[in-house]
Amino acid sequence: MWYFSWILGIAFAAAFAVLNAMWYELLSDRARGVKAPFKAP
């Protein structure tokens, strides 16, 4: 049953890494003054 917690941990770490990368891109775009390619509602 150890493999179940292991695969959940790997999936959580991968999801966390992707979200951190998206957050970093958002912050760096804001710092450079880049506008989003779409209009906010």
PDB file of N, CA and C in Angstrom:
ATOM      1  N   MET A   1       0.817  -1.203   0.000  1.00  0.00           N
ATOM      2  CA  MET A   1       0.000   0.000   0.000  1.00  0.00           C
ATOM      3  C   MET A   1       0.863   1.271   0.000  1.00  0.00           C
ATOM      4  N   TRP A   2       2.149   1.124   0.213  1.00  0.00           N
ATOM      5  CA  TRP A   2       3.049   2.277   0.214  1.00  0.00           C
ATOM      6  C   TRP A   2       3.052   2.977  -1.130  1.00  0.00           C
ATOM      7  N   TYR A   3       2.833   2.226  -2.200  1.00  0.00           N
ATOM      8  CA  TYR A   3       2.880   2.801  -3.548  1.00  0.00           C
ATOM      9  C   TYR A   3       1.757   3.807  -3.763  1.00  0.00           C
ATOM     10  N   PHE A   4       0.637   3.614  -3.075  1.00  0.00           N
ATOM     11  CA  PHE A   4      -0.483   4.545  -3.208  1.00  0.00           C
ATOM     12  C   PHE A   4      -0.104   5.918  -2.669  1.00  0.00           C
ATOM     13  N   SER A   5       0.469   5.959  -1.483  1.00  0.00           N
ATOM     14  CA  SER A   5       0.887   7.248  -0.921  1.00  0.00           C
ATOM     15  C   SER A   5       2.049   7.836  -1.715  1.00  0.00           C
ATOM     16  N   TRP A   6       2.893   6.981  -2.272  1.00  0.00           N
ATOM     17  CA  TRP A   6       4.020   7.457  -3.075  1.00  0.00           C
ATOM     18  C   TRP A   6       3.527   8.143  -4.341  1.00  0.00           C
ATOM     19  N   ILE A   7       2.580   7.546  -5.045  1.00  0.00           N
ATOM     20  CA  ILE A   7       2.081   8.143  -6.287  1.00  0.00           C
ATOM     21  C   ILE A   7       1.269   9.406  -5.987  1.00  0.00           C
ATOM     22  N   LEU A   8       0.566   9.438  -4.872  1.00  0.00           N
ATOM     23  CA  LEU A   8      -0.138  10.664  -4.493  1.00  0.00           C
ATOM     24  C   LEU A   8       0.848  11.781  -4.187  1.00  0.00           C
ATOM     25  N   GLY A   9       1.940  11.451  -3.529  1.00  0.00           N
ATOM     26  CA  GLY A   9       2.960  12.448  -3.224  1.00  0.00           C
ATOM     27  C   GLY A   9       3.615  12.989  -4.484  1.00  0.00           C
ATOM     28  N   ILE A  10       3.901  12.111  -5.435  1.00  0.00           N
ATOM     29  CA  ILE A  10       4.496  12.544  -6.703  1.00  0.00           C
ATOM     30  C   ILE A  10       3.524  13.444  -7.463  1.00  0.00           C
ATOM     31  N   ALA A  11       2.259  13.057  -7.503  1.00  0.00           N
ATOM     32  CA  ALA A  11       1.250  13.865  -8.202  1.00  0.00           C
ATOM     33  C   ALA A  11       1.092  15.231  -7.535  1.00  0.00           C
ATOM     34  N   PHE A  12       1.088  15.255  -6.217  1.00  0.00           N
ATOM     35  CA  PHE A  12       0.969  16.525  -5.504  1.00  0.00           C
ATOM     36  C   PHE A  12       2.179  17.415  -5.765  1.00  0.00           C
ATOM     37  N   ALA A  13       3.366  16.843  -5.750  1.00  0.00           N
ATOM     38  CA  ALA A  13       4.582  17.619  -6.003  1.00  0.00           C
ATOM     39  C   ALA A  13       4.593  18.171  -7.425  1.00  0.00           C
ATOM     40  N   ALA A  14       4.145  17.380  -8.389  1.00  0.00           N
ATOM     41  CA  ALA A  14       4.098  17.845  -9.778  1.00  0.00           C
ATOM     42  C   ALA A  14       3.080  18.970  -9.935  1.00  0.00           C
ATOM     43  N   ALA A  15       1.912  18.822  -9.327  1.00  0.00           N
ATOM     44  CA  ALA A  15       0.895  19.866  -9.404  1.00  0.00           C
ATOM     45  C   ALA A  15       1.389  21.147  -8.731  1.00  0.00           C
ATOM     46  N   PHE A  16       2.065  21.014  -7.621  1.00  0.00           N
ATOM     47  CA  PHE A  16       2.604  22.170  -6.911  1.00  0.00           C
ATOM     48  C   PHE A  16       3.653  22.886  -7.755  1.00  0.00           C
ATOM     49  N   ALA A  17       4.491  22.122  -8.438  1.00  0.00           N
ATOM     50  CA  ALA A  17       5.520  22.711  -9.298  1.00  0.00           C
ATOM     51  C   ALA A  17       4.895  23.470 -10.464  1.00  0.00           C
ATOM     52  N   VAL A  18       3.863  22.912 -11.063  1.00  0.00           N
ATOM     53  CA  VAL A  18       3.189  23.579 -12.186  1.00  0.00           C
ATOM     54  C   VAL A  18       2.527  24.867 -11.716  1.00  0.00           C
ATOM     55  N   LEU A  19       1.848  24.824 -10.582  1.00  0.00           N
ATOM     56  CA  LEU A  19       1.195  26.029 -10.065  1.00  0.00           C
ATOM     57  C   LEU A  19       2.217  27.103  -9.702  1.00  0.00           C
ATOM     58  N   ASN A  20       3.343  26.713  -9.137  1.00  0.00           N
ATOM     59  CA  ASN A  20       4.394  27.683  -8.827  1.00  0.00           C
ATOM     60  C   ASN A  20       4.951  28.317 -10.086  1.00  0.00           C
ATOM     61  N   ALA A  21       5.123  27.540 -11.136  1.00  0.00           N
ATOM     62  CA  ALA A  21       5.624  28.083 -12.402  1.00  0.00           C
ATOM     63  C   ALA A  21       4.625  29.073 -12.994  1.00  0.00           C
ATOM     64  N   MET A  22       3.342  28.757 -12.924  1.00  0.00           N
ATOM     65  CA  MET A  22       2.316  29.668 -13.438  1.00  0.00           C
ATOM     66  C   MET A  22       2.295  30.965 -12.630  1.00  0.00           C
ATOM     67  N   TRP A  23       2.435  30.853 -11.316  1.00  0.00           N
ATOM     68  CA  TRP A  23       2.445  32.031 -10.450  1.00  0.00           C
ATOM     69  C   TRP A  23       3.666  32.907 -10.742  1.00  0.00           C
ATOM     70  N   TYR A  24       4.814  32.273 -10.942  1.00  0.00           N
ATOM     71  CA  TYR A  24       6.033  33.018 -11.265  1.00  0.00           C
ATOM     72  C   TYR A  24       5.871  33.773 -12.581  1.00  0.00           C
ATOM     73  N   GLU A  25       5.281  33.141 -13.586  1.00  0.00           N
ATOM     74  CA  GLU A  25       5.059  33.804 -14.873  1.00  0.00           C
ATOM     75  C   GLU A  25       4.122  34.997 -14.704  1.00  0.00           C
ATOM     76  N   LEU A  26       3.090  34.841 -13.909  1.00  0.00           N
ATOM     77  CA  LEU A  26       2.147  35.934 -13.676  1.00  0.00           C
ATOM     78  C   LEU A  26       2.850  37.111 -13.009  1.00  0.00           C
ATOM     79  N   LEU A  27       3.657  36.839 -11.985  1.00  0.00           N
ATOM     80  CA  LEU A  27       4.349  37.915 -11.284  1.00  0.00           C
ATOM     81  C   LEU A  27       5.380  38.601 -12.171  1.00  0.00           C
ATOM     82  N   SER A  28       6.098  37.832 -12.973  1.00  0.00           N
ATOM     83  CA  SER A  28       7.108  38.443 -13.838  1.00  0.00           C
ATOM     84  C   SER A  28       6.451  39.275 -14.938  1.00  0.00           C
ATOM     85  N   ASP A  29       5.301  38.833 -15.445  1.00  0.00           N
ATOM     86  CA  ASP A  29       4.581  39.629 -16.442  1.00  0.00           C
ATOM     87  C   ASP A  29       4.082  40.935 -15.832  1.00  0.00           C
ATOM     88  N   ARG A  30       3.593  40.869 -14.608  1.00  0.00           N
ATOM     89  CA  ARG A  30       3.124  42.089 -13.941  1.00  0.00           C
ATOM     90  C   ARG A  30       4.273  43.058 -13.705  1.00  0.00           C
ATOM     91  N   ALA A  31       5.428  42.534 -13.324  1.00  0.00           N
ATOM     92  CA  ALA A  31       6.589  43.387 -13.056  1.00  0.00           C
ATOM     93  C   ALA A  31       7.062  44.085 -14.330  1.00  0.00           C
ATOM     94  N   ARG A  32       6.929  43.413 -15.468  1.00  0.00           N
ATOM     95  CA  ARG A  32       7.335  44.005 -16.742  1.00  0.00           C
ATOM     96  C   ARG A  32       6.242  44.880 -17.343  1.00  0.00           C
ATOM     97  N   GLY A  33       5.052  44.859 -16.772  1.00  0.00           N
ATOM     98  CA  GLY A  33       3.957  45.679 -17.273  1.00  0.00           C
ATOM     99  C   GLY A  33       3.244  45.086 -18.471  1.00  0.00           C
ATOM    100  N   VAL A  34       3.369  43.790 -18.662  1.00  0.00           N
ATOM    101  CA  VAL A  34       2.713  43.127 -19.790  1.00  0.00           C
ATOM    102  C   VAL A  34       1.241  42.941 -19.463  1.00  0.00           C
ATOM    103  N   LYS A  35       0.403  43.320 -20.396  1.00  0.00           N
ATOM    104  CA  LYS A  35      -1.039  43.149 -20.202  1.00  0.00           C
ATOM    105  C   LYS A  35      -1.469  41.767 -20.674  1.00  0.00           C
ATOM    106  N   ALA A  36      -2.548  41.293 -20.115  1.00  0.00           N
ATOM    107  CA  ALA A  36      -3.098  40.007 -20.532  1.00  0.00           C
ATOM    108  C   ALA A  36      -3.651  40.125 -21.951  1.00  0.00           C
ATOM    109  N   PRO A  37      -3.631  39.048 -22.715  1.00  0.00           N
ATOM    110  CA  PRO A  37      -4.124  39.114 -24.094  1.00  0.00           C
ATOM    111  C   PRO A  37      -5.641  39.151 -24.198  1.00  0.00           C
ATOM    112  N   PHE A  38      -6.320  39.205 -23.073  1.00  0.00           N
ATOM    113  CA  PHE A  38      -7.778  39.230 -23.089  1.00  0.00           C
ATOM    114  C   PHE A  38      -8.269  40.286 -22.110  1.00  0.00           C
ATOM    115  N   LYS A  39      -9.510  40.698 -22.283  1.00  0.00           N
ATOM    116  CA  LYS A  39     -10.102  41.679 -21.373  1.00  0.00           C
ATOM    117  C   LYS A  39     -10.771  40.970 -20.206  1.00  0.00           C
ATOM    118  N   ALA A  40     -10.570  41.502 -19.038  1.00  0.00           N
ATOM    119  CA  ALA A  40     -11.241  40.962 -17.862  1.00  0.00           C
ATOM    120  C   ALA A  40     -12.694  41.414 -17.876  1.00  0.00           C
ATOM    121  N   PRO A  41     -13.599  40.574 -17.426  1.00  0.00           N
ATOM    122  CA  PRO A  41     -15.024  40.956 -17.434  1.00  0.00           C
ATOM    123  C   PRO A  41     -15.327  42.064 -16.448  1.00  0.00           C
TER     124      PRO A  41
END
